[in-house]
């Protein structure tokens, strides 16, 4: 069973300055819930009950969000507003939260490596990047789909989606052979390739199932672009020495690390809420 989910949340969120000068980007709200809460709820649906968060300076709001606020609870106790805390109370009742800091921004691979003290070296674990907000209104959430696939193949699983050829330079891109519908055996992965050199248009997004040996792969990976440790490079080595599966998930992903994606997600969830209230 995959019980632990790692949330790398130490980045500065510079694309949302000045809003993120004092507020973590993971706490930016889509309607009335912060991005990271959507990710935690997705992880819970997939069977995780330990949420391991990689934080940094200025990220205390994340810790506070998943903790009791006695003053607030006292102020709204017995009022109609008390029910608005129902979802977050449910999360706190059912989940354990652990935290460690990434003191220097050295890439996603480094952030995941820092998480070994939280997830351990014995069991597979999930990774969610909260600013990739994913939904599947017609069925299981994206991480639940990936956990089911992990139980079948018992190897690392990465979520992928098709992107326009002119946008492949923004992503890690996979090369592989389709072994069943929407499932690919990865033979190569390239981090942010030139548009004319990308092996495919299947881009990796912020959902991973990783096996514990990924830590050795990261440890032996040399820094890539901008001196950062890329998880893509470590997974590429993993694919050569073992097996990595890429999964074209069912559902929709919003890039809430960009203003356009954030606005798109807000409009989508607003429309969903409005339609629900009409029924």
C-alpha atoms as a PDB file:
ATOM      1  CA  UNK A   1       0.000   0.000   0.000  1.00  0.00           C
ATOM      2  CA  UNK A   2       1.148   3.521  -0.759  1.00  0.00           C
ATOM      3  CA  UNK A   3       0.413   5.452   2.412  1.00  0.00           C
ATOM      4  CA  UNK A   4       2.738   8.464   2.164  1.00  0.00           C
ATOM      5  CA  UNK A   5       2.538  11.396  -0.213  1.00  0.00           C
ATOM      6  CA  UNK A   6       5.344  13.923  -0.584  1.00  0.00           C
ATOM      7  CA  UNK A   7       4.553  17.566  -1.346  1.00  0.00           C
ATOM      8  CA  UNK A   8       7.554  19.618  -2.551  1.00  0.00           C
ATOM      9  CA  UNK A   9       6.504  23.116  -1.493  1.00  0.00           C
ATOM     10  CA  UNK A  10       9.685  25.122  -1.005  1.00  0.00           C
ATOM     11  CA  UNK A  11       9.627  27.172  -4.217  1.00  0.00           C
ATOM     12  CA  UNK A  12       9.345  30.945  -4.239  1.00  0.00           C
ATOM     13  CA  UNK A  13       6.393  31.266  -6.621  1.00  0.00           C
ATOM     14  CA  UNK A  14       8.008  34.208  -8.394  1.00  0.00           C
ATOM     15  CA  UNK A  15       5.440  34.215 -11.217  1.00  0.00           C
ATOM     16  CA  UNK A  16       2.849  35.381  -8.675  1.00  0.00           C
ATOM     17  CA  UNK A  17       4.800  38.210  -7.090  1.00  0.00           C
ATOM     18  CA  UNK A  18       3.957  40.343  -5.210  1.00  0.00           C
ATOM     19  CA  UNK A  19       1.158  38.043  -3.930  1.00  0.00           C
ATOM     20  CA  UNK A  20       3.700  35.358  -2.991  1.00  0.00           C
ATOM     21  CA  UNK A  21       6.136  37.706  -1.274  1.00  0.00           C
ATOM     22  CA  UNK A  22       4.715  36.727   2.120  1.00  0.00           C
ATOM     23  CA  UNK A  23       2.261  33.946   1.183  1.00  0.00           C
ATOM     24  CA  UNK A  24       3.297  30.503  -0.131  1.00  0.00           C
ATOM     25  CA  UNK A  25       2.100  29.884  -3.679  1.00  0.00           C
ATOM     26  CA  UNK A  26       0.686  26.558  -2.436  1.00  0.00           C
ATOM     27  CA  UNK A  27      -1.709  28.588  -0.275  1.00  0.00           C
ATOM     28  CA  UNK A  28      -3.154  30.579  -3.181  1.00  0.00           C
ATOM     29  CA  UNK A  29      -6.905  29.877  -3.108  1.00  0.00           C
ATOM     30  CA  UNK A  30      -9.001  28.363  -5.854  1.00  0.00           C
ATOM     31  CA  UNK A  31     -12.358  29.655  -4.624  1.00  0.00           C
ATOM     32  CA  UNK A  32     -12.245  28.934  -0.878  1.00  0.00           C
ATOM     33  CA  UNK A  33      -9.546  26.229  -0.697  1.00  0.00           C
ATOM     34  CA  UNK A  34      -5.780  26.611  -1.094  1.00  0.00           C
ATOM     35  CA  UNK A  35      -4.034  24.675  -3.824  1.00  0.00           C
ATOM     36  CA  UNK A  36      -2.263  22.326  -1.432  1.00  0.00           C
ATOM     37  CA  UNK A  37      -5.559  21.258   0.153  1.00  0.00           C
ATOM     38  CA  UNK A  38      -6.810  20.061  -3.234  1.00  0.00           C
ATOM     39  CA  UNK A  39      -3.628  18.004  -3.511  1.00  0.00           C
ATOM     40  CA  UNK A  40      -4.047  16.531  -0.017  1.00  0.00           C
ATOM     41  CA  UNK A  41      -7.633  15.550  -0.788  1.00  0.00           C
ATOM     42  CA  UNK A  42      -6.466  13.835  -3.980  1.00  0.00           C
ATOM     43  CA  UNK A  43      -3.816  11.943  -2.000  1.00  0.00           C
ATOM     44  CA  UNK A  44      -6.395  10.855   0.593  1.00  0.00           C
ATOM     45  CA  UNK A  45      -8.653   9.502  -2.154  1.00  0.00           C
ATOM     46  CA  UNK A  46      -5.680   7.432  -3.363  1.00  0.00           C
ATOM     47  CA  UNK A  47      -5.246   5.869   0.099  1.00  0.00           C
ATOM     48  CA  UNK A  48      -2.521   8.082   1.582  1.00  0.00           C
ATOM     49  CA  UNK A  49      -2.803   9.215   5.186  1.00  0.00           C
ATOM     50  CA  UNK A  50       0.697  10.576   5.811  1.00  0.00           C
ATOM     51  CA  UNK A  51       1.394  13.898   4.101  1.00  0.00           C
ATOM     52  CA  UNK A  52       5.091  14.794   3.996  1.00  0.00           C
ATOM     53  CA  UNK A  53       5.733  18.420   3.087  1.00  0.00           C
ATOM     54  CA  UNK A  54       9.047  19.926   1.935  1.00  0.00           C
ATOM     55  CA  UNK A  55       8.897  23.548   3.008  1.00  0.00           C
ATOM     56  CA  UNK A  56      11.235  26.532   3.083  1.00  0.00           C
ATOM     57  CA  UNK A  57      11.497  30.002   4.536  1.00  0.00           C
ATOM     58  CA  UNK A  58       8.210  31.894   4.660  1.00  0.00           C
ATOM     59  CA  UNK A  59       6.079  28.747   4.366  1.00  0.00           C
ATOM     60  CA  UNK A  60       4.670  28.621   7.866  1.00  0.00           C
ATOM     61  CA  UNK A  61       1.147  29.259   6.591  1.00  0.00           C
ATOM     62  CA  UNK A  62       1.085  25.701   5.213  1.00  0.00           C
ATOM     63  CA  UNK A  63       1.843  24.261   8.640  1.00  0.00           C
ATOM     64  CA  UNK A  64      -0.749  26.497  10.282  1.00  0.00           C
ATOM     65  CA  UNK A  65      -3.425  25.584   7.731  1.00  0.00           C
ATOM     66  CA  UNK A  66      -3.293  21.901   8.675  1.00  0.00           C
ATOM     67  CA  UNK A  67      -3.422  22.637  12.394  1.00  0.00           C
ATOM     68  CA  UNK A  68      -6.097  23.728  14.849  1.00  0.00           C
ATOM     69  CA  UNK A  69      -6.810  27.451  15.172  1.00  0.00           C
ATOM     70  CA  UNK A  70      -8.293  27.679  18.654  1.00  0.00           C
ATOM     71  CA  UNK A  71      -9.161  31.374  18.385  1.00  0.00           C
ATOM     72  CA  UNK A  72     -10.995  30.947  15.084  1.00  0.00           C
ATOM     73  CA  UNK A  73     -12.805  27.818  16.267  1.00  0.00           C
ATOM     74  CA  UNK A  74     -13.956  29.670  19.382  1.00  0.00           C
ATOM     75  CA  UNK A  75     -15.196  32.687  17.402  1.00  0.00           C
ATOM     76  CA  UNK A  76     -17.381  30.698  14.976  1.00  0.00           C
ATOM     77  CA  UNK A  77     -18.461  27.847  17.275  1.00  0.00           C
ATOM     78  CA  UNK A  78     -22.210  27.311  17.028  1.00  0.00           C
ATOM     79  CA  UNK A  79     -22.595  29.635  14.024  1.00  0.00           C
ATOM     80  CA  UNK A  80     -23.455  28.769  10.424  1.00  0.00           C
ATOM     81  CA  UNK A  81     -19.841  29.404   9.483  1.00  0.00           C
ATOM     82  CA  UNK A  82     -18.609  26.478  11.589  1.00  0.00           C
ATOM     83  CA  UNK A  83     -19.537  24.009   8.859  1.00  0.00           C
ATOM     84  CA  UNK A  84     -17.117  25.745   6.488  1.00  0.00           C
ATOM     85  CA  UNK A  85     -14.284  24.104   8.448  1.00  0.00           C
ATOM     86  CA  UNK A  86     -15.711  20.627   7.862  1.00  0.00           C
ATOM     87  CA  UNK A  87     -13.330  19.604   5.079  1.00  0.00           C
ATOM     88  CA  UNK A  88     -10.148  20.746   6.803  1.00  0.00           C
ATOM     89  CA  UNK A  89     -11.241  19.166  10.100  1.00  0.00           C
ATOM     90  CA  UNK A  90     -11.779  15.869   8.282  1.00  0.00           C
ATOM     91  CA  UNK A  91      -8.266  16.090   6.828  1.00  0.00           C
ATOM     92  CA  UNK A  92      -6.701  16.797  10.210  1.00  0.00           C
ATOM     93  CA  UNK A  93      -8.628  13.931  11.828  1.00  0.00           C
ATOM     94  CA  UNK A  94      -7.559  11.369   9.226  1.00  0.00           C
ATOM     95  CA  UNK A  95      -4.027  12.447   8.246  1.00  0.00           C
ATOM     96  CA  UNK A  96      -0.638  12.909   9.841  1.00  0.00           C
ATOM     97  CA  UNK A  97       1.478  15.823   8.588  1.00  0.00           C
ATOM     98  CA  UNK A  98       5.270  15.849   8.719  1.00  0.00           C
ATOM     99  CA  UNK A  99       7.607  18.604   7.559  1.00  0.00           C
ATOM    100  CA  UNK A 100      11.224  19.262   6.661  1.00  0.00           C
ATOM    101  CA  UNK A 101      12.945  22.183   4.960  1.00  0.00           C
ATOM    102  CA  UNK A 102      14.792  22.532   1.686  1.00  0.00           C
ATOM    103  CA  UNK A 103      17.232  25.287   2.600  1.00  0.00           C
ATOM    104  CA  UNK A 104      18.451  25.910  -0.947  1.00  0.00           C
ATOM    105  CA  UNK A 105      16.457  25.725  -4.182  1.00  0.00           C
ATOM    106  CA  UNK A 106      18.327  23.033  -6.124  1.00  0.00           C
ATOM    107  CA  UNK A 107      15.545  21.533  -8.194  1.00  0.00           C
ATOM    108  CA  UNK A 108      12.715  19.028  -7.803  1.00  0.00           C
ATOM    109  CA  UNK A 109      15.099  16.082  -7.575  1.00  0.00           C
ATOM    110  CA  UNK A 110      16.825  17.660  -4.593  1.00  0.00           C
ATOM    111  CA  UNK A 111      13.494  18.451  -2.918  1.00  0.00           C
ATOM    112  CA  UNK A 112      12.368  14.839  -3.292  1.00  0.00           C
ATOM    113  CA  UNK A 113      15.723  13.609  -1.979  1.00  0.00           C
ATOM    114  CA  UNK A 114      15.278  15.801   1.108  1.00  0.00           C
ATOM    115  CA  UNK A 115      12.005  13.972   1.679  1.00  0.00           C
ATOM    116  CA  UNK A 116      13.702  10.662   2.428  1.00  0.00           C
ATOM    117  CA  UNK A 117      13.700  11.538   6.139  1.00  0.00           C
ATOM    118  CA  UNK A 118       9.895  11.753   5.975  1.00  0.00           C
ATOM    119  CA  UNK A 119       8.924   8.878   3.667  1.00  0.00           C
ATOM    120  CA  UNK A 120      11.753   6.456   4.526  1.00  0.00           C
ATOM    121  CA  UNK A 121      13.719   4.064   2.344  1.00  0.00           C
ATOM    122  CA  UNK A 122      11.537   0.960   2.505  1.00  0.00           C
ATOM    123  CA  UNK A 123       8.288   1.687   0.704  1.00  0.00           C
ATOM    124  CA  UNK A 124       7.001   3.351  -2.465  1.00  0.00           C
ATOM    125  CA  UNK A 125       5.495   6.787  -2.071  1.00  0.00           C
ATOM    126  CA  UNK A 126       3.532   9.340  -4.059  1.00  0.00           C
ATOM    127  CA  UNK A 127       4.566  12.858  -5.043  1.00  0.00           C
ATOM    128  CA  UNK A 128       2.148  15.694  -5.772  1.00  0.00           C
ATOM    129  CA  UNK A 129       3.114  19.156  -7.002  1.00  0.00           C
ATOM    130  CA  UNK A 130       0.297  21.278  -5.631  1.00  0.00           C
ATOM    131  CA  UNK A 131       0.418  23.900  -8.374  1.00  0.00           C
ATOM    132  CA  UNK A 132      -0.551  21.191 -10.863  1.00  0.00           C
ATOM    133  CA  UNK A 133      -4.230  21.029  -9.934  1.00  0.00           C
ATOM    134  CA  UNK A 134      -5.825  17.888 -11.366  1.00  0.00           C
ATOM    135  CA  UNK A 135      -9.463  16.823 -11.496  1.00  0.00           C
ATOM    136  CA  UNK A 136     -11.414  13.965 -12.997  1.00  0.00           C
ATOM    137  CA  UNK A 137     -15.142  14.638 -12.638  1.00  0.00           C
ATOM    138  CA  UNK A 138     -15.998  11.367 -14.366  1.00  0.00           C
ATOM    139  CA  UNK A 139     -14.148   8.923 -12.120  1.00  0.00           C
ATOM    140  CA  UNK A 140     -11.127   8.284  -9.919  1.00  0.00           C
ATOM    141  CA  UNK A 141      -8.662  11.083  -9.254  1.00  0.00           C
ATOM    142  CA  UNK A 142      -5.360  11.096 -11.093  1.00  0.00           C
ATOM    143  CA  UNK A 143      -3.261   9.794  -8.195  1.00  0.00           C
ATOM    144  CA  UNK A 144      -5.763   6.994  -7.505  1.00  0.00           C
ATOM    145  CA  UNK A 145      -5.467   5.952 -11.158  1.00  0.00           C
ATOM    146  CA  UNK A 146      -1.679   5.876 -10.807  1.00  0.00           C
ATOM    147  CA  UNK A 147      -1.743   3.882  -7.560  1.00  0.00           C
ATOM    148  CA  UNK A 148      -3.896   1.248  -9.264  1.00  0.00           C
ATOM    149  CA  UNK A 149      -1.353   1.112 -12.102  1.00  0.00           C
ATOM    150  CA  UNK A 150       1.512   0.780  -9.611  1.00  0.00           C
ATOM    151  CA  UNK A 151      -0.139  -2.281  -8.072  1.00  0.00           C
ATOM    152  CA  UNK A 152      -0.130  -3.858 -11.526  1.00  0.00           C
ATOM    153  CA  UNK A 153       3.455  -3.044 -12.594  1.00  0.00           C
ATOM    154  CA  UNK A 154       5.275  -2.480  -9.241  1.00  0.00           C
ATOM    155  CA  UNK A 155       7.550   0.253 -10.601  1.00  0.00           C
ATOM    156  CA  UNK A 156       7.826   4.052 -10.809  1.00  0.00           C
ATOM    157  CA  UNK A 157       4.858   5.695 -12.512  1.00  0.00           C
ATOM    158  CA  UNK A 158       4.783   9.225 -13.935  1.00  0.00           C
ATOM    159  CA  UNK A 159       1.693  11.095 -15.108  1.00  0.00           C
ATOM    160  CA  UNK A 160       1.810  12.472 -18.638  1.00  0.00           C
ATOM    161  CA  UNK A 161      -0.358  14.495 -20.954  1.00  0.00           C
ATOM    162  CA  UNK A 162      -0.153  15.486 -24.595  1.00  0.00           C
ATOM    163  CA  UNK A 163       0.949  19.075 -25.143  1.00  0.00           C
ATOM    164  CA  UNK A 164       1.302  21.133 -28.346  1.00  0.00           C
ATOM    165  CA  UNK A 165       4.692  20.631 -30.009  1.00  0.00           C
ATOM    166  CA  UNK A 166       5.540  24.300 -29.542  1.00  0.00           C
ATOM    167  CA  UNK A 167       5.239  23.883 -25.741  1.00  0.00           C
ATOM    168  CA  UNK A 168       7.372  20.783 -25.144  1.00  0.00           C
ATOM    169  CA  UNK A 169      10.326  22.948 -24.079  1.00  0.00           C
ATOM    170  CA  UNK A 170       8.449  23.752 -20.855  1.00  0.00           C
ATOM    171  CA  UNK A 171       8.308  20.141 -19.641  1.00  0.00           C
ATOM    172  CA  UNK A 172      10.116  16.900 -19.073  1.00  0.00           C
ATOM    173  CA  UNK A 173       9.200  14.731 -22.070  1.00  0.00           C
ATOM    174  CA  UNK A 174       9.126  10.938 -22.324  1.00  0.00           C
ATOM    175  CA  UNK A 175      10.058   8.516 -25.075  1.00  0.00           C
ATOM    176  CA  UNK A 176       8.589   5.055 -24.877  1.00  0.00           C
ATOM    177  CA  UNK A 177       6.567   2.176 -26.246  1.00  0.00           C
ATOM    178  CA  UNK A 178       2.848   1.892 -25.616  1.00  0.00           C
ATOM    179  CA  UNK A 179       2.195  -1.406 -23.811  1.00  0.00           C
ATOM    180  CA  UNK A 180      -1.505  -0.880 -23.209  1.00  0.00           C
ATOM    181  CA  UNK A 181      -3.873   1.981 -23.951  1.00  0.00           C
ATOM    182  CA  UNK A 182      -2.421   5.137 -22.419  1.00  0.00           C
ATOM    183  CA  UNK A 183       0.437   3.269 -20.697  1.00  0.00           C
ATOM    184  CA  UNK A 184       4.026   3.543 -21.958  1.00  0.00           C
ATOM    185  CA  UNK A 185       7.231   1.722 -21.079  1.00  0.00           C
ATOM    186  CA  UNK A 186       9.715   4.602 -20.807  1.00  0.00           C
ATOM    187  CA  UNK A 187      13.022   4.288 -22.636  1.00  0.00           C
ATOM    188  CA  UNK A 188      14.156   7.916 -22.325  1.00  0.00           C
ATOM    189  CA  UNK A 189      13.204  11.169 -20.632  1.00  0.00           C
ATOM    190  CA  UNK A 190      14.442  14.632 -21.552  1.00  0.00           C
ATOM    191  CA  UNK A 191      14.077  17.727 -19.369  1.00  0.00           C
ATOM    192  CA  UNK A 192      12.831  20.783 -21.299  1.00  0.00           C
ATOM    193  CA  UNK A 193      14.081  19.770 -24.756  1.00  0.00           C
ATOM    194  CA  UNK A 194      14.201  22.101 -27.737  1.00  0.00           C
ATOM    195  CA  UNK A 195      10.926  21.895 -29.626  1.00  0.00           C
ATOM    196  CA  UNK A 196      12.555  20.248 -32.648  1.00  0.00           C
ATOM    197  CA  UNK A 197      14.470  17.694 -30.545  1.00  0.00           C
ATOM    198  CA  UNK A 198      11.745  16.391 -28.251  1.00  0.00           C
ATOM    199  CA  UNK A 199      11.265  12.608 -28.451  1.00  0.00           C
ATOM    200  CA  UNK A 200       7.464  13.011 -28.220  1.00  0.00           C
ATOM    201  CA  UNK A 201       4.796  15.450 -27.105  1.00  0.00           C
ATOM    202  CA  UNK A 202       4.000  13.457 -23.946  1.00  0.00           C
ATOM    203  CA  UNK A 203       4.911  15.793 -21.113  1.00  0.00           C
ATOM    204  CA  UNK A 204       5.405  14.786 -17.477  1.00  0.00           C
ATOM    205  CA  UNK A 205       3.203  16.685 -15.011  1.00  0.00           C
ATOM    206  CA  UNK A 206       3.320  16.925 -11.225  1.00  0.00           C
ATOM    207  CA  UNK A 207       2.183  13.436 -10.203  1.00  0.00           C
ATOM    208  CA  UNK A 208       4.598  10.569  -9.474  1.00  0.00           C
ATOM    209  CA  UNK A 209       4.668   7.178  -7.804  1.00  0.00           C
ATOM    210  CA  UNK A 210       8.293   6.503  -6.845  1.00  0.00           C
ATOM    211  CA  UNK A 211      10.031   3.408  -5.487  1.00  0.00           C
ATOM    212  CA  UNK A 212      12.616   3.813  -2.689  1.00  0.00           C
ATOM    213  CA  UNK A 213      15.602   3.142  -4.969  1.00  0.00           C
ATOM    214  CA  UNK A 214      14.908   6.511  -6.598  1.00  0.00           C
ATOM    215  CA  UNK A 215      16.941   8.071  -3.775  1.00  0.00           C
ATOM    216  CA  UNK A 216      20.093   6.293  -4.969  1.00  0.00           C
ATOM    217  CA  UNK A 217      19.334   7.417  -8.512  1.00  0.00           C
ATOM    218  CA  UNK A 218      18.992  11.033  -7.392  1.00  0.00           C
ATOM    219  CA  UNK A 219      22.140  10.822  -5.264  1.00  0.00           C
ATOM    220  CA  UNK A 220      24.153   9.706  -8.297  1.00  0.00           C
ATOM    221  CA  UNK A 221      22.567  12.183 -10.703  1.00  0.00           C
ATOM    222  CA  UNK A 222      24.638  15.153 -11.811  1.00  0.00           C
ATOM    223  CA  UNK A 223      23.063  18.622 -11.778  1.00  0.00           C
ATOM    224  CA  UNK A 224      21.410  19.581 -15.059  1.00  0.00           C
ATOM    225  CA  UNK A 225      20.114  22.884 -16.375  1.00  0.00           C
ATOM    226  CA  UNK A 226      20.695  25.839 -14.036  1.00  0.00           C
ATOM    227  CA  UNK A 227      22.682  23.588 -11.710  1.00  0.00           C
ATOM    228  CA  UNK A 228      19.498  21.887 -10.497  1.00  0.00           C
ATOM    229  CA  UNK A 229      18.941  18.221  -9.724  1.00  0.00           C
ATOM    230  CA  UNK A 230      16.127  17.112 -12.017  1.00  0.00           C
ATOM    231  CA  UNK A 231      13.897  14.191 -11.102  1.00  0.00           C
ATOM    232  CA  UNK A 232      13.537  13.614 -14.848  1.00  0.00           C
ATOM    233  CA  UNK A 233      17.253  12.745 -15.114  1.00  0.00           C
ATOM    234  CA  UNK A 234      17.039  10.333 -12.178  1.00  0.00           C
ATOM    235  CA  UNK A 235      13.952   8.655 -13.640  1.00  0.00           C
ATOM    236  CA  UNK A 236      15.730   8.332 -16.980  1.00  0.00           C
ATOM    237  CA  UNK A 237      18.473   6.309 -15.246  1.00  0.00           C
ATOM    238  CA  UNK A 238      15.797   4.323 -13.480  1.00  0.00           C
ATOM    239  CA  UNK A 239      14.216   3.497 -16.831  1.00  0.00           C
ATOM    240  CA  UNK A 240      17.517   2.222 -18.193  1.00  0.00           C
ATOM    241  CA  UNK A 241      18.285   0.050 -15.156  1.00  0.00           C
ATOM    242  CA  UNK A 242      14.803  -1.107 -14.321  1.00  0.00           C
ATOM    243  CA  UNK A 243      11.354   0.010 -15.374  1.00  0.00           C
ATOM    244  CA  UNK A 244       9.418   3.279 -15.414  1.00  0.00           C
ATOM    245  CA  UNK A 245       5.852   3.562 -16.627  1.00  0.00           C
ATOM    246  CA  UNK A 246       4.345   6.724 -18.099  1.00  0.00           C
ATOM    247  CA  UNK A 247       0.591   7.036 -17.833  1.00  0.00           C
ATOM    248  CA  UNK A 248      -1.630   9.298 -19.916  1.00  0.00           C
ATOM    249  CA  UNK A 249      -4.149  10.036 -17.187  1.00  0.00           C
ATOM    250  CA  UNK A 250      -7.893  10.497 -17.468  1.00  0.00           C
ATOM    251  CA  UNK A 251      -8.957  13.930 -16.334  1.00  0.00           C
ATOM    252  CA  UNK A 252      -7.906  17.544 -16.578  1.00  0.00           C
ATOM    253  CA  UNK A 253      -4.839  19.401 -15.322  1.00  0.00           C
ATOM    254  CA  UNK A 254      -4.535  23.113 -14.590  1.00  0.00           C
ATOM    255  CA  UNK A 255      -1.087  24.712 -14.470  1.00  0.00           C
ATOM    256  CA  UNK A 256      -1.722  26.890 -11.427  1.00  0.00           C
ATOM    257  CA  UNK A 257       1.930  27.884 -11.381  1.00  0.00           C
ATOM    258  CA  UNK A 258       0.983  30.277 -14.185  1.00  0.00           C
ATOM    259  CA  UNK A 259      -1.504  33.129 -14.011  1.00  0.00           C
ATOM    260  CA  UNK A 260      -3.420  31.844 -17.047  1.00  0.00           C
ATOM    261  CA  UNK A 261      -3.782  28.368 -15.569  1.00  0.00           C
ATOM    262  CA  UNK A 262      -4.737  29.760 -12.184  1.00  0.00           C
ATOM    263  CA  UNK A 263      -7.518  31.866 -13.707  1.00  0.00           C
ATOM    264  CA  UNK A 264      -8.677  28.912 -15.822  1.00  0.00           C
ATOM    265  CA  UNK A 265      -8.887  26.700 -12.713  1.00  0.00           C
ATOM    266  CA  UNK A 266     -10.759  29.372 -10.767  1.00  0.00           C
ATOM    267  CA  UNK A 267     -13.323  29.756 -13.550  1.00  0.00           C
ATOM    268  CA  UNK A 268     -13.702  25.975 -13.883  1.00  0.00           C
ATOM    269  CA  UNK A 269     -14.329  25.397 -10.179  1.00  0.00           C
ATOM    270  CA  UNK A 270     -16.627  28.411  -9.980  1.00  0.00           C
ATOM    271  CA  UNK A 271     -18.738  27.033 -12.826  1.00  0.00           C
ATOM    272  CA  UNK A 272     -18.788  23.587 -11.180  1.00  0.00           C
ATOM    273  CA  UNK A 273     -19.916  25.091  -7.878  1.00  0.00           C
ATOM    274  CA  UNK A 274     -22.548  27.257  -9.548  1.00  0.00           C
ATOM    275  CA  UNK A 275     -23.984  24.275 -11.469  1.00  0.00           C
ATOM    276  CA  UNK A 276     -24.028  22.172  -8.273  1.00  0.00           C
ATOM    277  CA  UNK A 277     -26.000  24.855  -6.451  1.00  0.00           C
ATOM    278  CA  UNK A 278     -28.582  24.954  -9.239  1.00  0.00           C
ATOM    279  CA  UNK A 279     -29.457  21.267  -8.787  1.00  0.00           C
END
